[in-house]
Protein backbone atom coordinates (compact mmCIF):
# COMPACT_ATOMS: atom_id res chain seq x y z
CA MET A 1 -9.84 -141.88 211.68
CA GLU A 2 -6.89 -142.84 210.13
CA ILE A 3 -6.91 -142.71 206.40
CA MET A 4 -5.41 -146.01 205.12
CA SER A 5 -6.01 -145.85 201.28
CA VAL A 6 -7.50 -143.51 198.75
CA ASP A 7 -8.85 -144.77 195.45
CA THR A 8 -9.53 -142.09 192.68
CA VAL A 9 -8.74 -141.02 189.35
CA THR A 10 -6.53 -138.87 187.35
CA ARG A 11 -6.15 -137.65 183.62
CA SER A 12 -2.89 -138.92 183.04
CA THR A 13 -1.20 -141.62 185.21
CA ALA A 14 2.33 -141.10 183.65
CA GLU A 15 2.07 -137.43 184.71
CA THR A 16 1.14 -138.31 188.30
CA ALA A 17 3.41 -141.08 188.69
CA ALA A 18 6.17 -138.83 187.42
CA TYR A 19 5.25 -136.07 189.96
CA TYR A 20 5.16 -138.47 192.87
CA GLU A 21 8.33 -140.19 192.06
CA THR A 22 10.27 -137.49 191.18
CA VAL A 23 9.21 -134.26 192.90
CA LEU A 24 8.16 -135.76 195.93
CA GLY A 25 10.43 -139.02 196.03
CA LEU A 26 7.67 -141.11 197.21
CA SER A 27 7.53 -144.93 196.43
CA VAL A 28 5.43 -145.47 193.35
CA ARG A 29 4.02 -148.90 191.74
CA LYS A 30 2.78 -148.56 188.18
CA GLU A 31 0.32 -150.95 186.36
CA ILE A 32 -1.57 -150.64 183.27
CA GLY A 33 -3.73 -148.00 183.45
CA ALA A 34 -3.22 -147.46 187.43
CA VAL A 35 -0.56 -146.07 189.48
CA GLU A 36 -0.34 -146.46 193.45
CA VAL A 37 1.80 -144.07 195.30
CA THR A 38 2.63 -144.71 199.06
CA VAL A 39 2.55 -141.82 201.42
CA GLY A 40 3.99 -142.95 204.90
CA ARG A 41 1.09 -145.05 206.38
CA SER A 42 -1.38 -144.66 203.59
CA VAL A 43 -1.94 -145.62 199.92
CA ILE A 44 -3.18 -143.47 197.23
CA ARG A 45 -4.53 -145.33 194.05
CA PHE A 46 -5.26 -143.19 190.84
CA ARG A 47 -6.84 -144.92 187.89
CA GLU A 48 -6.62 -143.21 184.29
CA ASP A 49 -9.60 -141.52 183.19
CA PRO A 50 -8.83 -138.87 180.50
CA ASP A 51 -12.47 -137.76 180.65
CA THR A 52 -12.70 -136.52 184.22
CA THR A 53 -13.15 -132.98 185.06
CA GLY A 54 -12.18 -130.85 188.00
CA ASP A 55 -9.21 -130.80 190.26
CA GLN A 56 -8.63 -132.57 193.46
CA HIS A 57 -7.08 -132.02 197.01
CA CYS A 58 -5.39 -134.27 199.47
CA ALA A 59 -2.95 -133.14 202.46
CA PHE A 60 -0.25 -135.07 203.95
CA LEU A 61 0.70 -135.13 207.68
CA ILE A 62 4.19 -133.88 208.69
CA ASP A 63 5.52 -133.11 212.30
CA ASP A 64 5.54 -129.70 213.51
CA ASP A 65 9.26 -129.66 213.78
CA ARG A 66 9.36 -130.53 210.37
CA PHE A 67 7.68 -127.52 209.21
CA ASP A 68 10.34 -125.11 208.20
CA ALA A 69 12.29 -128.02 206.60
CA ALA A 70 8.80 -128.78 204.42
CA ARG A 71 8.84 -125.04 203.44
CA ALA A 72 12.53 -125.06 202.31
CA PHE A 73 11.90 -128.32 200.09
CA LEU A 74 8.59 -127.20 198.56
CA GLU A 75 9.98 -123.48 197.90
CA ALA A 76 12.73 -125.31 195.70
CA GLY A 77 10.83 -127.51 194.36
CA PRO A 78 7.47 -127.19 192.99
CA GLY A 79 6.74 -123.95 194.75
CA LEU A 80 4.09 -122.58 197.10
CA LEU A 81 0.41 -121.67 196.58
CA GLY A 82 -0.49 -118.66 198.22
CA ASP A 83 -3.50 -116.02 199.31
CA GLY A 84 -1.82 -112.52 198.16
CA ASP A 85 1.84 -112.56 200.29
CA ARG A 86 0.54 -115.35 202.66
CA THR A 87 2.04 -118.92 201.77
CA GLU A 88 1.76 -120.26 205.47
CA PHE A 89 -1.53 -120.82 207.08
CA GLU A 90 -2.25 -121.08 210.52
CA ALA A 91 -5.42 -123.12 211.20
CA GLN A 92 -8.25 -121.97 213.85
CA ALA A 93 -7.34 -122.62 217.37
CA ALA A 94 -9.66 -125.64 217.45
CA TRP A 95 -7.31 -127.27 214.73
CA ASN A 96 -4.21 -126.06 216.43
CA ALA A 97 -2.59 -126.83 213.00
CA ARG A 98 -0.39 -125.11 210.42
CA SER A 99 -0.16 -125.91 206.75
CA LEU A 100 1.62 -125.25 203.21
CA TYR A 101 0.00 -125.49 199.77
CA PHE A 102 1.48 -126.67 196.56
CA PRO A 103 0.42 -127.53 193.29
CA GLY A 104 0.36 -131.21 192.45
CA PRO A 105 -0.31 -133.47 189.36
CA ASP A 106 -3.12 -132.84 186.92
CA ARG A 107 -4.01 -129.50 188.65
CA SER A 108 -4.40 -130.86 192.05
CA VAL A 109 -3.80 -128.84 195.24
CA LEU A 110 -1.88 -130.58 197.90
CA GLU A 111 -0.84 -129.64 201.13
CA VAL A 112 1.50 -130.58 204.07
CA ILE A 113 -0.46 -130.25 207.56
CA ALA A 114 1.24 -130.30 211.18
CA ARG A 115 -1.25 -130.87 213.60
CA ARG A 116 0.25 -130.21 217.10
CA ASP A 117 -2.15 -132.16 219.11
CA LEU A 118 -1.02 -135.56 217.45
CA PRO A 119 2.03 -137.46 219.00
CA ARG A 120 5.43 -136.74 217.61
CA ASN A 121 6.58 -139.30 214.92
CA LEU A 122 10.02 -140.40 215.32
CA GLY A 123 10.55 -141.26 211.80
CA ALA A 124 13.25 -140.63 209.08
CA GLY A 125 13.38 -136.95 209.57
CA HIS A 126 13.42 -136.71 213.16
CA VAL A 127 16.56 -135.36 215.18
CA THR A 128 16.78 -135.36 218.69
CA GLY A 129 15.44 -131.98 220.54
CA ALA A 130 13.16 -129.37 218.86
CA LYS A 131 15.76 -126.79 217.90
CA ALA A 132 17.82 -129.33 216.02
CA SER A 133 15.75 -128.97 212.78
CA SER A 134 15.11 -124.79 213.10
CA PRO A 135 17.03 -122.67 210.88
CA HIS A 136 16.26 -119.86 213.49
CA VAL A 137 18.54 -121.11 215.91
CA PRO A 138 22.13 -120.32 215.53
CA GLY A 139 24.51 -122.95 215.05
CA THR A 140 21.82 -125.65 214.14
CA GLN A 141 21.44 -127.05 210.71
CA LEU A 142 18.06 -127.83 209.05
CA VAL A 143 17.96 -131.35 208.31
CA PRO A 144 16.63 -131.84 204.77
CA PHE A 145 12.98 -132.70 204.36
CA GLY A 146 12.45 -136.21 202.66
CA PRO A 147 10.06 -138.75 201.67
CA GLY A 148 9.99 -140.20 204.93
CA ASP A 149 8.53 -136.85 206.40
CA LEU A 150 5.28 -137.36 204.88
CA LEU A 151 3.52 -139.71 207.63
CA SER A 152 0.06 -140.42 205.99
CA VAL A 153 -2.88 -138.78 204.19
CA SER A 154 -4.39 -136.27 206.63
CA GLU A 155 -7.29 -135.14 204.57
CA VAL A 156 -9.16 -135.92 201.32
CA GLY A 157 -11.46 -133.33 199.45
CA ILE A 158 -14.85 -134.83 198.21
CA ALA A 159 -17.38 -133.05 196.23
CA VAL A 160 -21.05 -133.81 197.68
CA PRO A 161 -24.28 -132.27 196.18
CA ASP A 162 -25.44 -131.20 199.98
CA VAL A 163 -22.50 -130.49 202.17
CA VAL A 164 -24.72 -129.66 205.24
CA ALA A 165 -27.02 -132.56 204.99
CA THR A 166 -23.89 -134.87 204.23
CA ALA A 167 -22.04 -133.74 207.39
CA ASP A 168 -25.34 -134.25 209.35
CA ARG A 169 -25.30 -137.67 208.38
CA LEU A 170 -21.64 -138.43 209.21
CA THR A 171 -21.80 -136.79 212.51
CA GLU A 172 -24.73 -139.21 213.30
CA ALA A 173 -22.07 -141.92 212.57
CA GLY A 174 -19.54 -140.35 214.86
CA ILE A 175 -17.58 -138.47 212.35
CA GLY A 176 -18.16 -135.22 213.45
CA ARG A 177 -17.74 -131.84 211.89
CA TYR A 178 -14.81 -129.38 212.57
CA PRO A 179 -15.73 -125.47 213.17
CA ALA A 180 -16.09 -122.72 210.59
CA GLY A 181 -18.12 -124.78 208.24
CA SER A 182 -20.48 -123.41 205.81
CA ALA A 183 -23.35 -124.52 203.15
CA THR A 184 -20.15 -125.14 200.58
CA PHE A 185 -17.53 -126.37 202.96
CA SER A 186 -17.32 -128.48 205.88
CA PRO A 187 -14.54 -130.44 207.55
CA THR A 188 -15.55 -133.69 209.23
CA GLY A 189 -13.64 -136.19 210.91
CA HIS A 190 -10.89 -136.45 213.61
CA ILE A 191 -7.36 -135.28 214.23
CA ASP A 192 -6.10 -138.15 212.65
CA GLY A 193 -8.01 -138.21 209.41
CA MET A 194 -10.50 -135.98 207.77
CA LEU A 195 -12.88 -135.58 204.86
CA ILE A 196 -13.14 -132.09 203.15
CA LEU A 197 -16.54 -132.03 202.02
CA VAL A 198 -17.13 -129.21 199.36
CA SER A 199 -19.94 -128.30 196.65
CA PRO A 200 -18.93 -128.85 193.01
CA GLY A 201 -17.89 -125.44 191.34
CA ARG A 202 -16.14 -124.03 194.14
CA THR A 203 -12.33 -123.45 193.73
CA TRP A 204 -9.80 -125.34 196.15
CA PHE A 205 -8.27 -122.84 198.48
CA PRO A 206 -6.13 -120.96 198.14
CA THR A 207 -6.24 -120.82 194.42
CA SER A 208 -8.73 -118.73 192.39
CA ASP A 209 -8.85 -121.28 189.37
CA ARG A 210 -8.62 -125.18 190.59
CA VAL A 211 -12.31 -126.00 190.69
CA VAL A 212 -13.58 -128.80 192.66
CA GLY A 213 -15.02 -131.50 190.38
CA GLU A 214 -16.94 -134.73 191.15
CA PRO A 215 -14.46 -137.40 190.44
CA PRO A 216 -15.08 -140.96 191.94
CA VAL A 217 -13.49 -141.85 195.36
CA THR A 218 -13.32 -144.21 197.97
CA VAL A 219 -11.46 -143.38 201.08
CA ILE A 220 -10.80 -146.57 203.56
CA ALA A 221 -10.31 -145.50 207.11
CA GLN A 222 -9.53 -146.93 210.47
CA ALA A 223 -11.17 -146.01 213.53
CA GLY A 224 -8.41 -145.01 216.12
CA ALA A 225 -7.67 -143.68 219.44
CA ALA A 226 -8.53 -140.12 218.31
CA SER A 227 -11.92 -140.98 216.59
CA ARG A 228 -13.51 -143.18 219.66
CA GLY A 229 -17.25 -143.38 218.76
CA VAL A 230 -17.20 -143.87 215.04
CA VAL A 231 -19.67 -146.55 213.86
CA PRO A 232 -17.74 -148.88 211.37
CA GLY A 233 -19.45 -149.50 207.99
CA GLN A 234 -19.68 -148.02 204.48
CA TYR A 235 -20.96 -144.49 203.81
CA GLU A 236 -21.97 -143.47 199.88
CA LEU A 237 -21.50 -139.63 200.47
CA ALA A 238 -22.64 -139.17 196.65
CA PRO A 239 -22.64 -141.58 193.45
CA GLY A 240 -19.15 -142.76 193.05
CA ARG A 241 -17.59 -141.31 196.27
CA ILE A 242 -17.52 -143.65 199.43
CA ILE A 243 -16.04 -143.75 202.77
CA VAL A 244 -15.40 -147.28 204.51
CA VAL A 245 -14.47 -147.15 208.08
CA ARG A 246 -12.85 -150.39 209.52
CA PRO A 247 -13.25 -151.07 213.27
């Protein structure tokens, strides 16, 4: 279920555009009252709504062999968000992934995630040989991380009033849930694209002050090789929060 586009809101398009363009170096298209950001194969469109409440979450896919480069880039730029002394997070065995979290514009919690079960991307940051981009191997040099290393939107956080019921409904449509969900948190989807269903009022991990709100969001996804069995269609998860799955 590859995430092709995300349409949502931000309190300030100027702040959001400046962040993605200058901090992450991504391609940004500005228009009156909106800004469009290209993240690899995905596009995020933000419409301005100064009155929207709550903070948002989004994760970007990277190759696992670019993880150390991503860490160096983020530490030198926006900084990392942590849980105590931890700033690198290994997911459960079923995920086979690891993540770094960092502060985004408009109090958003952003993440880069390396999913080891996905094929490696031979993109802008790729160098031949896994060791060639590792700072831990003597005599090798870390290739600087850049916007071309952000391959796509991998996760989108969506607030829903009943997490369990919504996850059940998506499971019936072939958009299954991942392990370790709860009554207020349930990752759903597939290795190539996930929705993070959460209850309003929670805080986004790993922070204690960035609170889940209920902004409108439309996610358009494409059923892919990793998401066979998904039933294409439009699913309203809550008022103004929609996922459209294309065949």
